[in-house]
Amino acid sequence: MLAGLRRRSRYVWEPIANWHAPGPAFPVAPGHIGPALRSISLEIPIAWWRTGMEPPAGWGVRSVETSPTYRLRLDGDPEKFWRETGYLRTIRNMRNRCKGFTVAINHPGAAAWTIRQWSQKWSGDGDGAGRTELDERIEIAEDLEKRGKHISISVFDNGQLVGGSSNFVHEGDLVAGVIYHEPQYRANGLGVRIINLAFEVGAKRALKAFDLGGKADYKKKWAPEDGTRSRVVVAPLRVQYMRKVASTVRALAGRSCTWMLLSAIHIADYGAIGRFAGTAL
């Protein structure tokens, strides 16, 4: 295993490429992920997303959080599924509302714009490590785009970029990355239209399916459950023990502070406290 890690706290380190793209967050020989991570003697949360391997199990795995992902094959008629979920009428309405916009694929700078706008919407501007991670996400997307492994879908209104999505080509599927549109275009249903465009682009490129990922209920309207994604936390028993000790110490310190405060109130001048409480601040 060769893993680049970023420090999150005293004991927690995270793979640099976590959640930035589908597939393993670092190269590792099959079957060796568990022993390799345990040997590092750190707590490491790992994105388990289209890795083609079972997540690590056994001692040292502190937790596994798994959620379903949603994927629809493109070799049939996607509208059949949308008709069954009752979402087809909405999709068609949003197509009509957005028909005056123009669409571009892999427009220069579009991947960076979409990812930056998405990050600002959900995380704020960020600083320090936040900016570094944002730049890394953009660098990965732009490098994969040069290799034909990333597709940016952009929507323009009178030449102005107003929305787009970042998508990966992974093992024959189009896989959703991030999506963003300017807030004033919500009434146009631009978000729905951008997702619909991903299905159209994937079908035109003869890709097998569009994988929307998971962790959002609206995706059930677009595709059936097909796959999972997990957040796996690996930590050697020694590290787990040290974190429990540290947590216990913090809890005891908090109780001690509370006891000292109550003791101070008990011996205080209650008359003075009453007079102070009645003073306007």
Protein backbone atom coordinates (compact mmCIF):
# COMPACT_ATOMS: atom_id res chain seq x y z
CA MET A 1 0.00 0.00 0.00
CA LEU A 2 1.10 3.56 -0.78
CA ALA A 3 -1.08 6.15 0.94
CA GLY A 4 -0.81 9.92 1.17
CA LEU A 5 -2.47 11.08 4.40
CA ARG A 6 -3.59 14.45 5.78
CA ARG A 7 -3.74 15.14 9.50
CA ARG A 8 -7.19 15.87 10.92
CA SER A 9 -6.43 15.73 14.63
CA ARG A 10 -3.88 14.25 17.01
CA TYR A 11 -4.82 10.67 16.18
CA VAL A 12 -6.87 10.96 12.98
CA TRP A 13 -5.33 11.06 9.49
CA GLU A 14 -7.34 10.91 6.26
CA PRO A 15 -6.33 9.81 2.74
CA ILE A 16 -5.67 12.90 0.63
CA ALA A 17 -7.92 11.69 -2.21
CA ASN A 18 -10.86 10.64 0.00
CA TRP A 19 -14.16 11.09 -1.92
CA HIS A 20 -12.44 13.07 -4.69
CA ALA A 21 -13.07 10.38 -7.35
CA PRO A 22 -14.53 6.86 -7.51
CA GLY A 23 -12.22 3.94 -6.88
CA PRO A 24 -9.65 3.28 -4.13
CA ALA A 25 -8.34 6.40 -2.36
CA PHE A 26 -4.81 4.99 -2.73
CA PRO A 27 -3.14 2.01 -4.43
CA VAL A 28 -3.20 -1.19 -2.42
CA ALA A 29 -2.68 -4.85 -3.19
CA PRO A 30 -5.97 -6.82 -3.01
CA GLY A 31 -6.47 -8.47 0.36
CA HIS A 32 -3.88 -6.36 2.16
CA ILE A 33 -5.87 -3.21 2.96
CA GLY A 34 -6.72 -4.21 6.56
CA PRO A 35 -3.24 -5.31 7.73
CA ALA A 36 -1.59 -2.37 5.95
CA LEU A 37 -3.83 0.24 7.57
CA ARG A 38 -3.57 -1.33 11.02
CA SER A 39 0.21 -1.24 10.77
CA ILE A 40 0.19 2.58 10.46
CA SER A 41 -0.97 2.99 14.08
CA LEU A 42 -3.36 5.83 13.25
CA GLU A 43 -7.12 6.25 13.05
CA ILE A 44 -7.96 6.53 9.34
CA PRO A 45 -11.45 7.15 7.88
CA ILE A 46 -11.61 5.78 4.33
CA ALA A 47 -14.05 6.37 1.50
CA TRP A 48 -15.18 2.99 0.14
CA TRP A 49 -16.71 3.99 -3.19
CA ARG A 50 -16.66 1.73 -6.25
CA THR A 51 -13.40 0.15 -5.12
CA GLY A 52 -14.07 -3.34 -6.49
CA MET A 53 -12.99 -4.77 -3.12
CA GLU A 54 -14.72 -5.70 0.09
CA PRO A 55 -14.09 -3.15 2.87
CA PRO A 56 -11.64 -4.15 5.59
CA ALA A 57 -13.10 -6.19 8.43
CA GLY A 58 -12.02 -7.73 11.71
CA TRP A 59 -10.10 -6.28 14.61
CA GLY A 60 -8.99 -2.70 14.16
CA VAL A 61 -12.10 -1.69 12.18
CA ARG A 62 -13.80 0.76 14.53
CA SER A 63 -16.90 1.50 12.43
CA VAL A 64 -18.48 1.01 9.01
CA GLU A 65 -21.28 3.33 7.81
CA THR A 66 -22.89 2.07 4.60
CA SER A 67 -25.60 3.66 2.47
CA PRO A 68 -27.17 2.61 -0.85
CA THR A 69 -26.24 4.13 -4.20
CA TYR A 70 -28.53 4.63 -7.19
CA ARG A 71 -27.68 3.55 -10.73
CA LEU A 72 -29.70 3.28 -13.93
CA ARG A 73 -28.61 1.40 -17.02
CA LEU A 74 -28.46 3.40 -20.24
CA ASP A 75 -28.92 0.59 -22.75
CA GLY A 76 -32.71 0.71 -22.33
CA ASP A 77 -35.23 3.51 -22.01
CA PRO A 78 -34.57 5.59 -18.84
CA GLU A 79 -37.95 7.27 -19.21
CA LYS A 80 -39.65 3.98 -18.44
CA PHE A 81 -38.21 4.05 -14.91
CA TRP A 82 -39.03 7.76 -14.48
CA ARG A 83 -42.59 7.07 -15.53
CA GLU A 84 -42.80 4.37 -12.85
CA THR A 85 -41.52 6.76 -10.17
CA GLY A 86 -43.87 9.50 -11.34
CA TYR A 87 -40.99 11.84 -12.09
CA LEU A 88 -41.13 11.92 -15.88
CA ARG A 89 -43.56 14.83 -16.06
CA THR A 90 -41.26 16.94 -13.87
CA ILE A 91 -38.26 16.09 -16.03
CA ARG A 92 -40.08 17.05 -19.21
CA ASN A 93 -41.32 20.31 -17.68
CA MET A 94 -37.79 21.29 -16.68
CA ARG A 95 -36.47 20.43 -20.14
CA ASN A 96 -38.96 22.90 -21.59
CA ARG A 97 -38.11 25.60 -19.06
CA CYS A 98 -34.39 25.26 -19.89
CA LYS A 99 -34.62 24.87 -23.67
CA GLY A 100 -33.39 28.44 -24.20
CA PHE A 101 -30.05 27.62 -22.55
CA THR A 102 -27.01 26.21 -24.35
CA VAL A 103 -25.01 23.18 -23.25
CA ALA A 104 -21.28 22.51 -23.53
CA ILE A 105 -19.24 19.41 -22.77
CA ASN A 106 -15.74 19.77 -21.28
CA HIS A 107 -15.78 23.54 -21.70
CA PRO A 108 -12.37 24.98 -20.64
CA GLY A 109 -12.41 25.89 -16.96
CA ALA A 110 -15.90 24.47 -16.40
CA ALA A 111 -14.79 21.69 -14.05
CA ALA A 112 -12.95 24.17 -11.81
CA TRP A 113 -15.88 26.61 -11.84
CA THR A 114 -18.43 23.92 -10.94
CA ILE A 115 -16.34 22.43 -8.14
CA ARG A 116 -15.46 25.83 -6.65
CA GLN A 117 -19.07 27.05 -6.72
CA TRP A 118 -20.30 23.77 -5.23
CA SER A 119 -17.69 23.97 -2.47
CA GLN A 120 -18.53 27.57 -1.64
CA LYS A 121 -22.24 26.72 -1.45
CA TRP A 122 -21.83 23.83 0.94
CA SER A 123 -18.62 24.66 2.83
CA GLY A 124 -18.10 28.41 2.56
CA ASP A 125 -14.89 29.87 1.15
CA GLY A 126 -12.70 27.72 3.37
CA ASP A 127 -9.10 28.44 4.26
CA GLY A 128 -5.90 26.54 4.85
CA ALA A 129 -6.54 22.82 4.44
CA GLY A 130 -9.99 23.54 2.95
CA ARG A 131 -8.50 25.46 0.03
CA THR A 132 -5.83 22.82 -0.41
CA GLU A 133 -8.43 20.04 -0.64
CA LEU A 134 -10.50 22.07 -3.09
CA ASP A 135 -7.49 22.61 -5.33
CA GLU A 136 -6.68 18.91 -5.16
CA ARG A 137 -10.25 17.97 -6.15
CA ILE A 138 -10.04 20.33 -9.13
CA GLU A 139 -6.61 19.04 -10.13
CA ILE A 140 -7.86 15.43 -10.08
CA ALA A 141 -10.92 16.29 -12.19
CA GLU A 142 -8.93 18.27 -14.76
CA ASP A 143 -6.24 15.58 -15.05
CA LEU A 144 -8.85 12.84 -15.52
CA GLU A 145 -10.61 15.00 -18.13
CA LYS A 146 -7.43 15.07 -20.21
CA ARG A 147 -7.42 11.26 -20.05
CA GLY A 148 -11.06 10.95 -21.08
CA LYS A 149 -12.07 9.86 -17.57
CA HIS A 150 -14.00 12.97 -16.56
CA ILE A 151 -16.85 14.83 -18.24
CA SER A 152 -17.91 18.38 -17.38
CA ILE A 153 -21.45 19.31 -18.37
CA SER A 154 -22.03 23.07 -18.47
CA VAL A 155 -25.14 25.18 -19.05
CA PHE A 156 -24.97 28.76 -20.36
CA ASP A 157 -27.57 31.52 -20.40
CA ASN A 158 -26.71 34.17 -23.02
CA GLY A 159 -23.07 33.10 -22.86
CA GLN A 160 -22.93 33.19 -19.06
CA LEU A 161 -22.03 29.97 -17.24
CA VAL A 162 -24.90 29.36 -14.81
CA GLY A 163 -24.69 25.69 -13.88
CA GLY A 164 -22.90 22.44 -14.42
CA SER A 165 -21.84 19.06 -13.14
CA SER A 166 -18.62 17.15 -12.66
CA ASN A 167 -18.84 13.48 -13.72
CA PHE A 168 -16.39 10.59 -13.89
CA VAL A 169 -16.04 7.78 -16.40
CA HIS A 170 -15.32 4.76 -14.24
CA GLU A 171 -15.41 1.12 -15.33
CA GLY A 172 -17.77 1.87 -18.20
CA ASP A 173 -20.22 3.96 -16.12
CA LEU A 174 -20.78 7.67 -15.92
CA VAL A 175 -20.50 8.48 -12.21
CA ALA A 176 -21.82 11.68 -10.64
CA GLY A 177 -19.35 13.95 -8.91
CA VAL A 178 -20.72 17.35 -7.86
CA ILE A 179 -23.45 19.58 -9.29
CA TYR A 180 -24.12 23.31 -8.98
CA HIS A 181 -26.36 25.97 -10.47
CA GLU A 182 -26.83 29.65 -9.68
CA PRO A 183 -29.66 30.09 -7.13
CA GLN A 184 -31.76 32.35 -9.38
CA TYR A 185 -32.22 29.45 -11.82
CA ARG A 186 -33.92 27.20 -9.31
CA ALA A 187 -37.33 28.19 -10.68
CA ASN A 188 -36.19 26.98 -14.11
CA GLY A 189 -35.49 23.54 -12.67
CA LEU A 190 -31.88 23.82 -13.80
CA GLY A 191 -30.68 21.24 -11.28
CA VAL A 192 -33.12 18.66 -12.69
CA ARG A 193 -32.08 19.55 -16.22
CA ILE A 194 -28.37 19.13 -15.45
CA ILE A 195 -28.96 15.65 -14.03
CA ASN A 196 -31.10 14.75 -17.06
CA LEU A 197 -28.25 15.94 -19.33
CA ALA A 198 -25.90 13.48 -17.63
CA PHE A 199 -28.15 10.60 -18.67
CA GLU A 200 -28.22 11.96 -22.23
CA VAL A 201 -24.44 12.40 -22.39
CA GLY A 202 -23.80 8.93 -20.96
CA ALA A 203 -26.14 7.32 -23.50
CA LYS A 204 -24.55 9.20 -26.43
CA ARG A 205 -21.13 7.96 -25.34
CA ALA A 206 -22.41 4.37 -25.12
CA LEU A 207 -21.64 4.11 -21.41
CA LYS A 208 -23.32 1.31 -19.49
CA ALA A 209 -25.10 3.28 -16.79
CA PHE A 210 -25.29 6.52 -14.85
CA ASP A 211 -24.36 6.10 -11.19
CA LEU A 212 -25.76 8.98 -9.13
CA GLY A 213 -24.12 7.88 -5.89
CA GLY A 214 -26.07 7.99 -2.64
CA LYS A 215 -26.91 9.87 0.57
CA ALA A 216 -29.81 11.87 -0.92
CA ASP A 217 -33.42 10.72 -1.18
CA TYR A 218 -34.13 12.57 -4.44
CA LYS A 219 -31.91 10.08 -6.27
CA LYS A 220 -34.56 7.40 -5.77
CA LYS A 221 -36.65 9.23 -8.37
CA TRP A 222 -33.87 8.92 -10.94
CA ALA A 223 -32.57 5.38 -10.52
CA PRO A 224 -33.04 2.16 -8.54
CA GLU A 225 -30.74 1.05 -5.74
CA ASP A 226 -27.70 -0.62 -7.23
CA GLY A 227 -24.58 -0.69 -5.07
CA THR A 228 -23.35 0.87 -1.85
CA ARG A 229 -20.85 3.36 -0.55
CA SER A 230 -19.25 3.22 2.87
CA ARG A 231 -17.21 5.24 5.29
CA VAL A 232 -14.85 2.86 7.04
CA VAL A 233 -12.85 3.89 10.09
CA VAL A 234 -9.78 1.76 10.77
CA ALA A 235 -7.87 2.20 14.02
CA PRO A 236 -5.51 -0.18 15.83
CA LEU A 237 -6.70 -1.19 19.27
CA ARG A 238 -3.94 0.89 20.86
CA VAL A 239 -5.21 4.02 19.11
CA GLN A 240 -8.82 3.25 20.06
CA TYR A 241 -7.73 2.86 23.68
CA MET A 242 -5.78 6.16 23.64
CA ARG A 243 -8.78 8.03 22.21
CA LYS A 244 -11.07 6.59 24.89
CA VAL A 245 -8.59 7.64 27.58
CA ALA A 246 -8.39 11.15 26.12
CA SER A 247 -12.20 11.35 25.93
CA THR A 248 -12.51 10.21 29.56
CA VAL A 249 -9.96 12.78 30.69
CA ARG A 250 -11.85 15.57 28.89
CA ALA A 251 -15.13 14.43 30.45
CA LEU A 252 -13.62 14.35 33.93
CA ALA A 253 -12.06 17.76 33.38
CA GLY A 254 -15.48 19.12 32.39
CA ARG A 255 -17.08 17.68 35.52
CA SER A 256 -14.30 19.17 37.62
CA CYS A 257 -14.93 22.63 36.13
CA THR A 258 -18.66 22.27 36.80
CA TRP A 259 -18.01 21.27 40.42
CA MET A 260 -15.69 24.24 40.92
CA LEU A 261 -18.34 26.61 39.46
CA LEU A 262 -21.07 25.24 41.75
CA SER A 263 -18.73 25.53 44.73
CA ALA A 264 -18.00 29.16 43.85
CA ILE A 265 -21.71 29.96 43.60
CA HIS A 266 -22.32 28.28 46.95
CA ILE A 267 -19.91 30.56 48.79
CA ALA A 268 -20.79 33.72 46.82
CA ASP A 269 -22.66 36.77 48.13
CA TYR A 270 -26.20 35.90 47.00
CA GLY A 271 -27.33 39.46 47.64
CA ALA A 272 -24.67 40.78 45.30
CA ILE A 273 -25.65 38.21 42.68
CA GLY A 274 -29.26 39.34 42.91
CA ARG A 275 -28.31 42.98 42.51
CA PHE A 276 -26.06 42.15 39.54
CA ALA A 277 -28.79 40.09 37.86
CA GLY A 278 -31.09 43.07 37.98
CA THR A 279 -28.59 45.38 36.31
CA ALA A 280 -29.13 46.16 32.62
CA LEU A 281 -26.14 45.12 30.50
